[in-house]
Amino acid sequence: MANGLRWKIAQGFEIRWWKGYLKKKDPAEYAVWKRAYWKDYLAKMGAAVTLKEGDRILDAGCGPAGIFVVLDSFRPDALDPLIDAYEALPHFKKTSYPNVRFLNAPLEGFKPEQPYETVFCMNAINHVDDLAASYDTLAAAVKPGGTLVVTIDAHNHGFFKRLFRLIPGDILHPHQFDEAEYAAMLTARGFMMVSSQVMEKEFFFSRVMQIAKKNPA
């Protein structure tokens, strides 16, 4: 199946997944839980990610409850091709985040007015249409010496990685790679790996957080 078609199918399933996932969750309780979730991630980044007042920050592929929910004071940009569709969910309203600039656009081809000190792409890179173009965009969006934080669902087993590339065994994720392959996509684009940390582990995939610094110009 062509990547473009798989991506369109995945996008349709993505909004359906969010509707089903959030259906029985109280919006206020979910918001509290999600803020605690992202604060835990920030704590686990430690000194590798330092956010300062005045920094330009991007949450790429933010979804309806991305890391932007705990970065309001930094006035971040939040980018997602489904951001307008998420407004139909009772758990997300743009007006709840007055300091966040929401951008309704795919990651591929995104061109910021100026680069960012820190770019987050949290559990989103698996969902893009053109993976190479998306990594190119992320790399270009980070200023020299800046930081890129990516979380990905990385394959644990080579057999299933190859199998899922042949058949849509995981329709929400059109791309199938392992932890080392995702790291190589960063180093090939002028980044130095700082850490690659398994956050959650299941049979097929591990949720991996990769932090990398862009080499100075």
N, C-alpha and C. Protein backbone atom coordinates (compact mmCIF):
# COMPACT_ATOMS: atom_id res chain seq x y z
N MET A 1 0.85 -1.20 0.00
CA MET A 1 0.00 0.00 0.00
C MET A 1 0.89 1.24 0.00
N ALA A 2 0.62 2.18 -0.89
CA ALA A 2 1.43 3.40 -0.98
C ALA A 2 1.36 4.17 0.33
N ASN A 3 2.49 4.82 0.66
CA ASN A 3 2.56 5.55 1.92
C ASN A 3 1.49 6.63 2.03
N GLY A 4 1.23 7.36 0.92
CA GLY A 4 0.24 8.43 0.98
C GLY A 4 -1.14 7.90 1.34
N LEU A 5 -1.54 6.79 0.75
CA LEU A 5 -2.83 6.19 1.06
C LEU A 5 -2.85 5.68 2.49
N ARG A 6 -1.76 5.03 2.91
CA ARG A 6 -1.69 4.54 4.29
C ARG A 6 -1.82 5.69 5.28
N TRP A 7 -1.20 6.83 4.96
CA TRP A 7 -1.26 7.98 5.86
C TRP A 7 -2.68 8.52 5.97
N LYS A 8 -3.38 8.62 4.83
CA LYS A 8 -4.75 9.11 4.85
C LYS A 8 -5.65 8.18 5.68
N ILE A 9 -5.44 6.88 5.50
CA ILE A 9 -6.21 5.92 6.29
C ILE A 9 -5.86 6.07 7.77
N ALA A 10 -4.56 6.23 8.05
CA ALA A 10 -4.12 6.37 9.44
C ALA A 10 -4.70 7.61 10.08
N GLN A 11 -4.80 8.71 9.32
CA GLN A 11 -5.36 9.94 9.87
C GLN A 11 -6.83 9.77 10.24
N GLY A 12 -7.57 9.04 9.39
CA GLY A 12 -8.96 8.76 9.70
C GLY A 12 -9.11 7.93 10.96
N PHE A 13 -8.25 6.92 11.08
CA PHE A 13 -8.28 6.08 12.27
C PHE A 13 -7.80 6.84 13.50
N GLU A 14 -6.93 7.83 13.30
CA GLU A 14 -6.40 8.60 14.42
C GLU A 14 -7.51 9.36 15.13
N ILE A 15 -8.34 10.08 14.35
CA ILE A 15 -9.41 10.85 14.99
C ILE A 15 -10.44 9.91 15.60
N ARG A 16 -10.69 8.77 14.95
CA ARG A 16 -11.62 7.79 15.52
C ARG A 16 -11.06 7.22 16.81
N TRP A 17 -9.74 7.00 16.85
CA TRP A 17 -9.12 6.46 18.06
C TRP A 17 -9.28 7.45 19.21
N TRP A 18 -9.03 8.73 18.95
CA TRP A 18 -9.16 9.72 20.01
C TRP A 18 -10.59 9.81 20.53
N LYS A 19 -11.56 9.76 19.63
CA LYS A 19 -12.96 9.81 20.06
C LYS A 19 -13.30 8.62 20.95
N GLY A 20 -12.85 7.43 20.55
CA GLY A 20 -13.12 6.25 21.35
C GLY A 20 -12.38 6.26 22.68
N TYR A 21 -11.12 6.71 22.64
CA TYR A 21 -10.29 6.74 23.84
C TYR A 21 -10.84 7.71 24.88
N LEU A 22 -11.31 8.86 24.42
CA LEU A 22 -11.75 9.90 25.34
C LEU A 22 -13.24 9.80 25.70
N LYS A 23 -13.96 8.91 25.06
CA LYS A 23 -15.41 8.85 25.21
C LYS A 23 -15.85 8.76 26.66
N LYS A 24 -15.18 7.94 27.46
CA LYS A 24 -15.61 7.71 28.83
C LYS A 24 -14.73 8.43 29.85
N LYS A 25 -13.92 9.37 29.38
CA LYS A 25 -13.03 10.11 30.28
C LYS A 25 -13.61 11.49 30.58
N ASP A 26 -13.71 11.82 31.84
CA ASP A 26 -14.16 13.14 32.24
C ASP A 26 -13.13 14.18 31.77
N PRO A 27 -13.57 15.22 31.04
CA PRO A 27 -12.61 16.19 30.50
C PRO A 27 -11.72 16.84 31.56
N ALA A 28 -12.28 17.22 32.69
CA ALA A 28 -11.49 17.88 33.73
C ALA A 28 -10.47 16.92 34.33
N GLU A 29 -10.89 15.70 34.61
CA GLU A 29 -9.98 14.71 35.18
C GLU A 29 -8.89 14.34 34.18
N TYR A 30 -9.25 14.23 32.91
CA TYR A 30 -8.26 13.90 31.89
C TYR A 30 -7.22 15.00 31.78
N ALA A 31 -7.66 16.25 31.84
CA ALA A 31 -6.72 17.38 31.75
C ALA A 31 -5.72 17.35 32.89
N VAL A 32 -6.18 17.05 34.10
CA VAL A 32 -5.29 16.97 35.26
C VAL A 32 -4.29 15.83 35.07
N TRP A 33 -4.80 14.68 34.63
CA TRP A 33 -3.91 13.52 34.41
C TRP A 33 -2.87 13.81 33.33
N LYS A 34 -3.29 14.44 32.25
CA LYS A 34 -2.37 14.68 31.14
C LYS A 34 -1.28 15.68 31.53
N ARG A 35 -1.63 16.68 32.31
CA ARG A 35 -0.62 17.63 32.77
C ARG A 35 0.42 16.92 33.63
N ALA A 36 -0.04 16.02 34.52
CA ALA A 36 0.88 15.27 35.36
C ALA A 36 1.77 14.35 34.50
N TYR A 37 1.18 13.77 33.46
CA TYR A 37 1.91 12.89 32.53
C TYR A 37 3.06 13.64 31.89
N TRP A 38 2.80 14.85 31.38
CA TRP A 38 3.84 15.60 30.69
C TRP A 38 4.86 16.19 31.66
N LYS A 39 4.43 16.52 32.86
CA LYS A 39 5.40 16.99 33.86
C LYS A 39 6.37 15.88 34.21
N ASP A 40 5.88 14.65 34.25
CA ASP A 40 6.76 13.51 34.50
C ASP A 40 7.77 13.34 33.37
N TYR A 41 7.33 13.52 32.14
CA TYR A 41 8.25 13.42 31.00
C TYR A 41 9.32 14.51 31.09
N LEU A 42 8.90 15.74 31.40
CA LEU A 42 9.87 16.83 31.51
C LEU A 42 10.89 16.54 32.60
N ALA A 43 10.42 15.96 33.71
CA ALA A 43 11.33 15.62 34.81
C ALA A 43 12.35 14.58 34.35
N LYS A 44 11.91 13.62 33.55
CA LYS A 44 12.80 12.56 33.09
C LYS A 44 13.78 13.05 32.03
N MET A 45 13.48 14.16 31.39
CA MET A 45 14.44 14.76 30.46
C MET A 45 15.63 15.35 31.21
N GLY A 46 15.39 15.78 32.45
CA GLY A 46 16.46 16.29 33.29
C GLY A 46 17.17 17.48 32.68
N ALA A 47 18.47 17.53 32.92
CA ALA A 47 19.27 18.66 32.46
C ALA A 47 19.48 18.67 30.95
N ALA A 48 19.08 17.58 30.27
CA ALA A 48 19.26 17.52 28.82
C ALA A 48 18.37 18.52 28.10
N VAL A 49 17.28 18.93 28.74
CA VAL A 49 16.36 19.89 28.14
C VAL A 49 16.17 21.05 29.13
N THR A 50 16.67 22.21 28.76
CA THR A 50 16.55 23.40 29.60
C THR A 50 15.71 24.43 28.86
N LEU A 51 14.57 24.79 29.46
CA LEU A 51 13.67 25.76 28.85
C LEU A 51 13.80 27.09 29.58
N LYS A 52 14.01 28.14 28.82
CA LYS A 52 14.19 29.47 29.40
C LYS A 52 13.12 30.42 28.87
N GLU A 53 12.79 31.41 29.69
CA GLU A 53 11.83 32.42 29.27
C GLU A 53 12.34 33.11 28.01
N GLY A 54 11.47 33.25 27.05
CA GLY A 54 11.84 33.86 25.78
C GLY A 54 12.24 32.87 24.71
N ASP A 55 12.47 31.60 25.08
CA ASP A 55 12.79 30.58 24.09
C ASP A 55 11.62 30.35 23.15
N ARG A 56 11.94 30.09 21.90
CA ARG A 56 10.92 29.65 20.95
C ARG A 56 10.81 28.13 21.04
N ILE A 57 9.58 27.65 21.22
CA ILE A 57 9.34 26.23 21.44
C ILE A 57 8.24 25.76 20.49
N LEU A 58 8.44 24.58 19.91
CA LEU A 58 7.46 23.97 19.01
C LEU A 58 7.06 22.60 19.53
N ASP A 59 5.75 22.36 19.57
CA ASP A 59 5.21 21.02 19.83
C ASP A 59 4.67 20.52 18.50
N ALA A 60 5.47 19.71 17.81
CA ALA A 60 5.13 19.24 16.46
C ALA A 60 4.35 17.94 16.54
N GLY A 61 3.17 17.92 15.88
CA GLY A 61 2.30 16.76 15.98
C GLY A 61 1.67 16.69 17.36
N CYS A 62 1.12 17.82 17.80
CA CYS A 62 0.73 17.99 19.21
C CYS A 62 -0.49 17.20 19.62
N GLY A 63 -1.39 16.85 18.69
CA GLY A 63 -2.62 16.20 19.09
C GLY A 63 -3.47 17.12 19.97
N PRO A 64 -4.52 16.60 20.59
CA PRO A 64 -5.39 17.43 21.41
C PRO A 64 -4.89 17.65 22.83
N ALA A 65 -3.82 16.97 23.21
CA ALA A 65 -3.33 17.09 24.59
C ALA A 65 -1.83 16.87 24.63
N GLY A 66 -1.11 17.57 23.76
CA GLY A 66 0.33 17.41 23.68
C GLY A 66 1.06 18.11 24.81
N ILE A 67 2.37 18.10 24.72
CA ILE A 67 3.18 18.67 25.79
C ILE A 67 2.95 20.17 25.93
N PHE A 68 2.31 20.79 24.93
CA PHE A 68 1.99 22.22 25.03
C PHE A 68 1.13 22.53 26.26
N VAL A 69 0.41 21.54 26.80
CA VAL A 69 -0.51 21.82 27.91
C VAL A 69 0.24 22.24 29.18
N VAL A 70 1.54 21.91 29.26
CA VAL A 70 2.33 22.33 30.42
C VAL A 70 3.39 23.35 30.05
N LEU A 71 3.30 23.89 28.83
CA LEU A 71 4.28 24.87 28.36
C LEU A 71 3.64 26.22 28.07
N ASP A 72 2.45 26.43 28.58
CA ASP A 72 1.69 27.63 28.26
C ASP A 72 2.49 28.91 28.53
N SER A 73 3.25 28.94 29.61
CA SER A 73 3.98 30.16 29.98
C SER A 73 5.08 30.50 28.97
N PHE A 74 5.49 29.54 28.15
CA PHE A 74 6.54 29.78 27.15
C PHE A 74 5.97 30.24 25.81
N ARG A 75 4.64 30.31 25.71
CA ARG A 75 3.98 30.74 24.48
C ARG A 75 4.43 29.91 23.28
N PRO A 76 4.28 28.58 23.36
CA PRO A 76 4.77 27.72 22.29
C PRO A 76 3.87 27.73 21.06
N ASP A 77 4.42 27.23 19.96
CA ASP A 77 3.63 26.89 18.79
C ASP A 77 3.26 25.41 18.90
N ALA A 78 2.04 25.06 18.45
CA ALA A 78 1.59 23.66 18.48
C ALA A 78 1.04 23.33 17.10
N LEU A 79 1.66 22.36 16.45
CA LEU A 79 1.40 22.04 15.05
C LEU A 79 0.75 20.66 14.93
N ASP A 80 -0.34 20.58 14.15
CA ASP A 80 -0.97 19.27 13.91
C ASP A 80 -1.95 19.40 12.74
N PRO A 81 -1.95 18.44 11.80
CA PRO A 81 -2.88 18.52 10.67
C PRO A 81 -4.33 18.25 11.04
N LEU A 82 -4.57 17.76 12.27
CA LEU A 82 -5.93 17.48 12.72
C LEU A 82 -6.38 18.43 13.83
N ILE A 83 -5.64 19.50 14.05
CA ILE A 83 -5.92 20.34 15.22
C ILE A 83 -7.32 20.94 15.16
N ASP A 84 -7.81 21.30 13.98
CA ASP A 84 -9.16 21.83 13.87
C ASP A 84 -10.20 20.75 14.13
N ALA A 85 -9.93 19.53 13.67
CA ALA A 85 -10.86 18.42 13.90
C ALA A 85 -10.96 18.08 15.37
N TYR A 86 -9.88 18.27 16.11
CA TYR A 86 -9.90 17.95 17.54
C TYR A 86 -10.82 18.87 18.34
N GLU A 87 -11.18 20.01 17.76
CA GLU A 87 -12.09 20.92 18.46
C GLU A 87 -13.46 20.29 18.68
N ALA A 88 -13.78 19.24 17.93
CA ALA A 88 -15.06 18.53 18.13
C ALA A 88 -15.04 17.69 19.41
N LEU A 89 -13.86 17.49 19.99
CA LEU A 89 -13.76 16.72 21.23
C LEU A 89 -14.03 17.63 22.42
N PRO A 90 -14.82 17.17 23.38
CA PRO A 90 -15.06 18.00 24.57
C PRO A 90 -13.81 18.18 25.42
N HIS A 91 -12.76 17.40 25.15
CA HIS A 91 -11.53 17.45 25.94
C HIS A 91 -10.54 18.47 25.41
N PHE A 92 -10.84 19.13 24.29
CA PHE A 92 -9.89 20.07 23.71
C PHE A 92 -10.61 21.29 23.15
N LYS A 93 -10.18 22.46 23.60
CA LYS A 93 -10.63 23.72 23.03
C LYS A 93 -9.42 24.65 22.97
N LYS A 94 -9.19 25.22 21.83
CA LYS A 94 -8.05 26.12 21.67
C LYS A 94 -8.09 27.27 22.68
N THR A 95 -9.30 27.73 22.99
CA THR A 95 -9.44 28.86 23.91
C THR A 95 -8.97 28.55 25.32
N SER A 96 -8.78 27.25 25.63
CA SER A 96 -8.27 26.88 26.95
C SER A 96 -6.78 27.16 27.08
N TYR A 97 -6.12 27.46 25.95
CA TYR A 97 -4.67 27.67 25.92
C TYR A 97 -4.39 28.99 25.20
N PRO A 98 -4.69 30.12 25.83
CA PRO A 98 -4.58 31.41 25.15
C PRO A 98 -3.17 31.80 24.75
N ASN A 99 -2.16 31.20 25.37
CA ASN A 99 -0.78 31.55 25.05
C ASN A 99 -0.14 30.60 24.02
N VAL A 100 -0.93 29.66 23.53
CA VAL A 100 -0.42 28.71 22.54
C VAL A 100 -0.91 29.13 21.15
N ARG A 101 0.00 29.16 20.19
CA ARG A 101 -0.39 29.43 18.80
C ARG A 101 -0.55 28.09 18.09
N PHE A 102 -1.78 27.76 17.72
CA PHE A 102 -2.07 26.49 17.07
C PHE A 102 -1.97 26.65 15.56
N LEU A 103 -1.29 25.68 14.93
CA LEU A 103 -1.07 25.70 13.49
C LEU A 103 -1.63 24.42 12.89
N ASN A 104 -2.61 24.55 12.01
CA ASN A 104 -3.26 23.40 11.39
C ASN A 104 -2.52 23.06 10.09
N ALA A 105 -1.54 22.18 10.18
CA ALA A 105 -0.74 21.84 9.01
C ALA A 105 0.03 20.55 9.28
N PRO A 106 0.33 19.80 8.24
CA PRO A 106 1.18 18.62 8.42
C PRO A 106 2.62 19.02 8.69
N LEU A 107 3.36 18.11 9.27
CA LEU A 107 4.75 18.39 9.59
C LEU A 107 5.59 18.56 8.33
N GLU A 108 5.33 17.72 7.33
CA GLU A 108 6.10 17.81 6.10
C GLU A 108 5.94 19.18 5.46
N GLY A 109 7.04 19.82 5.19
CA GLY A 109 6.99 21.10 4.51
C GLY A 109 6.76 22.30 5.41
N PHE A 110 6.57 22.09 6.73
CA PHE A 110 6.38 23.21 7.63
C PHE A 110 7.63 24.09 7.66
N LYS A 111 7.45 25.39 7.50
CA LYS A 111 8.57 26.32 7.48
C LYS A 111 8.30 27.43 8.51
N PRO A 112 8.92 27.35 9.68
CA PRO A 112 8.70 28.40 10.69
C PRO A 112 9.34 29.71 10.28
N GLU A 113 8.82 30.80 10.88
CA GLU A 113 9.39 32.11 10.56
C GLU A 113 10.84 32.19 10.98
N GLN A 114 11.18 31.54 12.09
CA GLN A 114 12.56 31.46 12.56
C GLN A 114 12.70 30.18 13.36
N PRO A 115 13.91 29.65 13.50
CA PRO A 115 14.08 28.37 14.18
C PRO A 115 13.80 28.46 15.67
N TYR A 116 13.63 27.30 16.27
CA TYR A 116 13.28 27.17 17.68
C TYR A 116 14.47 26.71 18.50
N GLU A 117 14.50 27.15 19.77
CA GLU A 117 15.51 26.63 20.70
C GLU A 117 15.23 25.18 21.05
N THR A 118 13.94 24.83 21.18
CA THR A 118 13.56 23.46 21.52
C THR A 118 12.36 23.04 20.69
N VAL A 119 12.47 21.86 20.10
CA VAL A 119 11.36 21.27 19.35
C VAL A 119 11.02 19.93 19.98
N PHE A 120 9.74 19.77 20.31
CA PHE A 120 9.23 18.49 20.79
C PHE A 120 8.41 17.85 19.67
N CYS A 121 8.59 16.56 19.49
CA CYS A 121 7.74 15.79 18.57
C CYS A 121 7.41 14.49 19.30
N MET A 122 6.32 14.53 20.06
CA MET A 122 6.03 13.49 21.03
C MET A 122 4.99 12.50 20.49
N ASN A 123 5.47 11.30 20.21
CA ASN A 123 4.61 10.22 19.71
C ASN A 123 3.84 10.65 18.46
N ALA A 124 4.51 11.34 17.57
CA ALA A 124 3.86 11.82 16.35
C ALA A 124 4.58 11.41 15.08
N ILE A 125 5.89 11.21 15.16
CA ILE A 125 6.66 10.96 13.94
C ILE A 125 6.24 9.65 13.28
N ASN A 126 5.73 8.69 14.06
CA ASN A 126 5.24 7.44 13.47
C ASN A 126 4.02 7.66 12.57
N HIS A 127 3.32 8.78 12.75
CA HIS A 127 2.04 9.01 12.09
C HIS A 127 2.14 9.81 10.80
N VAL A 128 3.31 10.34 10.48
CA VAL A 128 3.42 11.25 9.34
C VAL A 128 3.34 10.49 8.03
N ASP A 129 3.13 11.24 6.95
CA ASP A 129 3.07 10.64 5.62
C ASP A 129 4.47 10.34 5.10
N ASP A 130 5.30 11.38 5.02
CA ASP A 130 6.66 11.26 4.49
C ASP A 130 7.64 11.37 5.65
N LEU A 131 8.18 10.25 6.08
CA LEU A 131 9.03 10.22 7.27
C LEU A 131 10.32 11.01 7.06
N ALA A 132 10.99 10.81 5.94
CA ALA A 132 12.25 11.51 5.68
C ALA A 132 12.02 13.02 5.63
N ALA A 133 10.97 13.45 4.94
CA ALA A 133 10.68 14.88 4.85
C ALA A 133 10.35 15.45 6.22
N SER A 134 9.68 14.66 7.06
CA SER A 134 9.31 15.13 8.39
C SER A 134 10.55 15.30 9.27
N TYR A 135 11.48 14.35 9.19
CA TYR A 135 12.73 14.51 9.94
C TYR A 135 13.54 15.70 9.41
N ASP A 136 13.50 15.91 8.09
CA ASP A 136 14.16 17.09 7.53
C ASP A 136 13.56 18.37 8.10
N THR A 137 12.23 18.41 8.20
CA THR A 137 11.55 19.57 8.73
C THR A 137 11.92 19.81 10.19
N LEU A 138 11.89 18.74 10.99
CA LEU A 138 12.27 18.87 12.40
C LEU A 138 13.69 19.40 12.54
N ALA A 139 14.60 18.84 11.74
CA ALA A 139 16.00 19.26 11.81
C ALA A 139 16.15 20.73 11.46
N ALA A 140 15.45 21.16 10.41
CA ALA A 140 15.55 22.55 9.98
C ALA A 140 14.91 23.51 10.98
N ALA A 141 13.92 23.01 11.74
CA ALA A 141 13.20 23.87 12.69
C ALA A 141 14.01 24.17 13.95
N VAL A 142 15.06 23.40 14.20
CA VAL A 142 15.87 23.59 15.41
C VAL A 142 17.06 24.48 15.08
N LYS A 143 17.28 25.50 15.88
CA LYS A 143 18.41 26.38 15.65
C LYS A 143 19.71 25.66 16.00
N PRO A 144 20.84 26.04 15.43
CA PRO A 144 22.12 25.41 15.80
C PRO A 144 22.34 25.48 17.30
N GLY A 145 22.70 24.35 17.88
CA GLY A 145 22.88 24.27 19.33
C GLY A 145 21.60 23.99 20.08
N GLY A 146 20.46 23.97 19.38
CA GLY A 146 19.18 23.73 20.00
C GLY A 146 18.92 22.25 20.25
N THR A 147 17.76 21.98 20.80
CA THR A 147 17.43 20.62 21.25
C THR A 147 16.19 20.10 20.54
N LEU A 148 16.25 18.83 20.17
CA LEU A 148 15.11 18.12 19.60
C LEU A 148 14.79 16.93 20.48
N VAL A 149 13.51 16.82 20.88
CA VAL A 149 13.05 15.70 21.69
C VAL A 149 11.98 14.96 20.89
N VAL A 150 12.21 13.70 20.63
CA VAL A 150 11.27 12.88 19.86
C VAL A 150 10.91 11.65 20.66
N THR A 151 9.62 11.35 20.76
CA THR A 151 9.22 10.05 21.30
C THR A 151 8.60 9.26 20.17
N ILE A 152 8.96 8.00 20.13
CA ILE A 152 8.54 7.13 19.02
C ILE A 152 8.14 5.77 19.57
N ASP A 153 7.31 5.07 18.81
CA ASP A 153 7.03 3.67 19.08
C ASP A 153 7.99 2.85 18.24
N ALA A 154 9.01 2.31 18.86
CA ALA A 154 10.07 1.60 18.16
C ALA A 154 9.88 0.10 18.29
N HIS A 155 10.09 -0.60 17.20
CA HIS A 155 9.93 -2.05 17.20
C HIS A 155 10.94 -2.73 18.12
N ASN A 156 10.48 -3.74 18.81
CA ASN A 156 11.36 -4.56 19.66
C ASN A 156 11.89 -5.79 18.94
N HIS A 157 11.22 -6.21 17.86
CA HIS A 157 11.57 -7.47 17.21
C HIS A 157 11.69 -7.26 15.69
N GLY A 158 12.83 -7.66 15.15
CA GLY A 158 13.08 -7.49 13.72
C GLY A 158 12.06 -8.20 12.86
N PHE A 159 11.60 -9.38 13.26
CA PHE A 159 10.64 -10.14 12.46
C PHE A 159 9.34 -9.35 12.28
N PHE A 160 8.80 -8.84 13.39
CA PHE A 160 7.54 -8.11 13.31
C PHE A 160 7.71 -6.76 12.62
N LYS A 161 8.87 -6.16 12.76
CA LYS A 161 9.15 -4.92 12.03
C LYS A 161 9.03 -5.16 10.53
N ARG A 162 9.64 -6.23 10.05
CA ARG A 162 9.58 -6.53 8.62
C ARG A 162 8.17 -6.92 8.20
N LEU A 163 7.48 -7.67 9.06
CA LEU A 163 6.12 -8.10 8.74
C LEU A 163 5.18 -6.90 8.65
N PHE A 164 5.28 -5.97 9.61
CA PHE A 164 4.39 -4.82 9.63
C PHE A 164 4.68 -3.87 8.48
N ARG A 165 5.89 -3.95 7.91
CA ARG A 165 6.18 -3.14 6.73
C ARG A 165 5.44 -3.67 5.50
N LEU A 166 5.15 -4.95 5.51
CA LEU A 166 4.49 -5.58 4.37
C LEU A 166 2.98 -5.50 4.45
N ILE A 167 2.44 -5.56 5.67
CA ILE A 167 0.99 -5.54 5.85
C ILE A 167 0.65 -4.47 6.88
N PRO A 168 -0.57 -3.90 6.80
CA PRO A 168 -0.94 -2.86 7.76
C PRO A 168 -1.32 -3.45 9.12
N GLY A 169 -0.34 -4.07 9.79
CA GLY A 169 -0.61 -4.66 11.09
C GLY A 169 -0.82 -3.62 12.16
N ASP A 170 -0.36 -2.40 11.91
CA ASP A 170 -0.51 -1.30 12.86
C ASP A 170 -0.93 -0.08 12.05
N ILE A 171 -2.23 0.02 11.77
CA ILE A 171 -2.71 1.01 10.81
C ILE A 171 -2.48 2.44 11.28
N LEU A 172 -2.39 2.66 12.59
CA LEU A 172 -2.17 4.02 13.10
C LEU A 172 -0.75 4.50 12.85
N HIS A 173 0.16 3.56 12.59
CA HIS A 173 1.57 3.92 12.41
C HIS A 173 2.04 3.42 11.05
N PRO A 174 2.08 4.31 10.04
CA PRO A 174 2.48 3.86 8.70
C PRO A 174 3.95 3.48 8.58
N HIS A 175 4.79 3.81 9.57
CA HIS A 175 6.23 3.59 9.47
C HIS A 175 6.70 2.63 10.57
N GLN A 176 7.59 1.77 10.20
CA GLN A 176 8.01 0.70 11.10
C GLN A 176 9.54 0.65 11.19
N PHE A 177 10.10 1.12 12.33
CA PHE A 177 11.55 1.13 12.52
C PHE A 177 11.87 0.79 13.97
N ASP A 178 13.14 0.50 14.22
CA ASP A 178 13.55 0.21 15.59
C ASP A 178 14.29 1.40 16.19
N GLU A 179 14.67 1.28 17.45
CA GLU A 179 15.27 2.40 18.18
C GLU A 179 16.54 2.92 17.51
N ALA A 180 17.41 2.01 17.10
CA ALA A 180 18.67 2.43 16.48
C ALA A 180 18.44 3.13 15.15
N GLU A 181 17.46 2.66 14.39
CA GLU A 181 17.17 3.28 13.10
C GLU A 181 16.64 4.70 13.29
N TYR A 182 15.80 4.91 14.29
CA TYR A 182 15.30 6.27 14.56
C TYR A 182 16.44 7.18 15.01
N ALA A 183 17.34 6.68 15.82
CA ALA A 183 18.49 7.49 16.24
C ALA A 183 19.35 7.88 15.04
N ALA A 184 19.52 6.95 14.12
CA ALA A 184 20.34 7.21 12.94
C ALA A 184 19.72 8.31 12.07
N MET A 185 18.40 8.43 12.09
CA MET A 185 17.75 9.49 11.33
C MET A 185 18.09 10.87 11.89
N LEU A 186 18.39 10.94 13.18
CA LEU A 186 18.80 12.20 13.79
C LEU A 186 20.26 12.51 13.52
N THR A 187 21.13 11.55 13.74
CA THR A 187 22.56 11.80 13.54
C THR A 187 22.88 12.09 12.07
N ALA A 188 22.10 11.51 11.17
CA ALA A 188 22.32 11.78 9.74
C ALA A 188 21.95 13.20 9.36
N ARG A 189 21.24 13.89 10.25
CA ARG A 189 20.79 15.25 9.96
C ARG A 189 21.51 16.29 10.82
N GLY A 190 22.69 15.96 11.29
CA GLY A 190 23.51 16.95 11.99
C GLY A 190 23.22 17.08 13.46
N PHE A 191 22.70 16.02 14.09
CA PHE A 191 22.43 16.04 15.52
C PHE A 191 23.35 15.07 16.26
N MET A 192 23.64 15.41 17.49
CA MET A 192 24.38 14.51 18.38
C MET A 192 23.39 13.93 19.38
N MET A 193 23.34 12.61 19.47
CA MET A 193 22.43 11.96 20.40
C MET A 193 22.86 12.25 21.84
N VAL A 194 21.92 12.68 22.66
CA VAL A 194 22.17 12.88 24.09
C VAL A 194 21.70 11.67 24.88
N SER A 195 20.53 11.19 24.54
CA SER A 195 20.00 10.00 25.23
C SER A 195 18.92 9.35 24.39
N SER A 196 18.71 8.06 24.64
CA SER A 196 17.62 7.30 24.03
C SER A 196 17.08 6.41 25.13
N GLN A 197 15.94 6.78 25.68
CA GLN A 197 15.42 6.18 26.92
C GLN A 197 14.09 5.49 26.67
N VAL A 198 13.99 4.22 27.07
CA VAL A 198 12.72 3.49 26.99
C VAL A 198 11.81 3.97 28.12
N MET A 199 10.65 4.51 27.74
CA MET A 199 9.70 5.03 28.71
C MET A 199 8.64 4.00 29.07
N GLU A 200 8.20 3.25 28.08
CA GLU A 200 7.20 2.20 28.28
C GLU A 200 7.56 1.05 27.33
N LYS A 201 7.34 -0.18 27.78
CA LYS A 201 7.67 -1.32 26.93
C LYS A 201 6.51 -2.30 26.87
N GLU A 202 6.12 -2.64 25.64
CA GLU A 202 5.13 -3.67 25.40
C GLU A 202 5.76 -4.70 24.46
N PHE A 203 4.97 -5.68 24.03
CA PHE A 203 5.57 -6.77 23.26
C PHE A 203 6.12 -6.29 21.92
N PHE A 204 5.27 -5.66 21.12
CA PHE A 204 5.70 -5.26 19.78
C PHE A 204 6.60 -4.02 19.82
N PHE A 205 6.20 -3.03 20.61
CA PHE A 205 6.87 -1.73 20.57
C PHE A 205 7.34 -1.29 21.96
N SER A 206 8.34 -0.43 21.95
CA SER A 206 8.71 0.32 23.14
C SER A 206 8.49 1.80 22.83
N ARG A 207 7.95 2.54 23.81
CA ARG A 207 7.87 3.99 23.69
C ARG A 207 9.23 4.53 24.11
N VAL A 208 9.94 5.12 23.16
CA VAL A 208 11.31 5.57 23.38
C VAL A 208 11.38 7.09 23.25
N MET A 209 12.05 7.72 24.20
CA MET A 209 12.27 9.17 24.13
C MET A 209 13.73 9.41 23.73
N GLN A 210 13.91 10.05 22.60
CA GLN A 210 15.24 10.36 22.10
C GLN A 210 15.47 11.88 22.17
N ILE A 211 16.58 12.26 22.78
CA ILE A 211 16.95 13.67 22.92
C ILE A 211 18.25 13.90 22.15
N ALA A 212 18.26 14.92 21.31
CA ALA A 212 19.45 15.18 20.51
C ALA A 212 19.70 16.68 20.42
N LYS A 213 20.98 17.05 20.33
CA LYS A 213 21.39 18.44 20.19
C LYS A 213 21.86 18.68 18.77
N LYS A 214 21.41 19.78 18.19
CA LYS A 214 21.84 20.12 16.83
C LYS A 214 23.25 20.69 16.89
N ASN A 215 24.10 20.19 16.04
CA ASN A 215 25.48 20.66 16.00
C ASN A 215 25.52 22.16 15.68
N PRO A 216 26.42 22.89 16.34
CA PRO A 216 26.53 24.33 16.05
C PRO A 216 26.88 24.56 14.58
N ALA A 217 26.45 25.68 14.06
CA ALA A 217 26.73 26.00 12.65
C ALA A 217 28.22 26.17 12.42
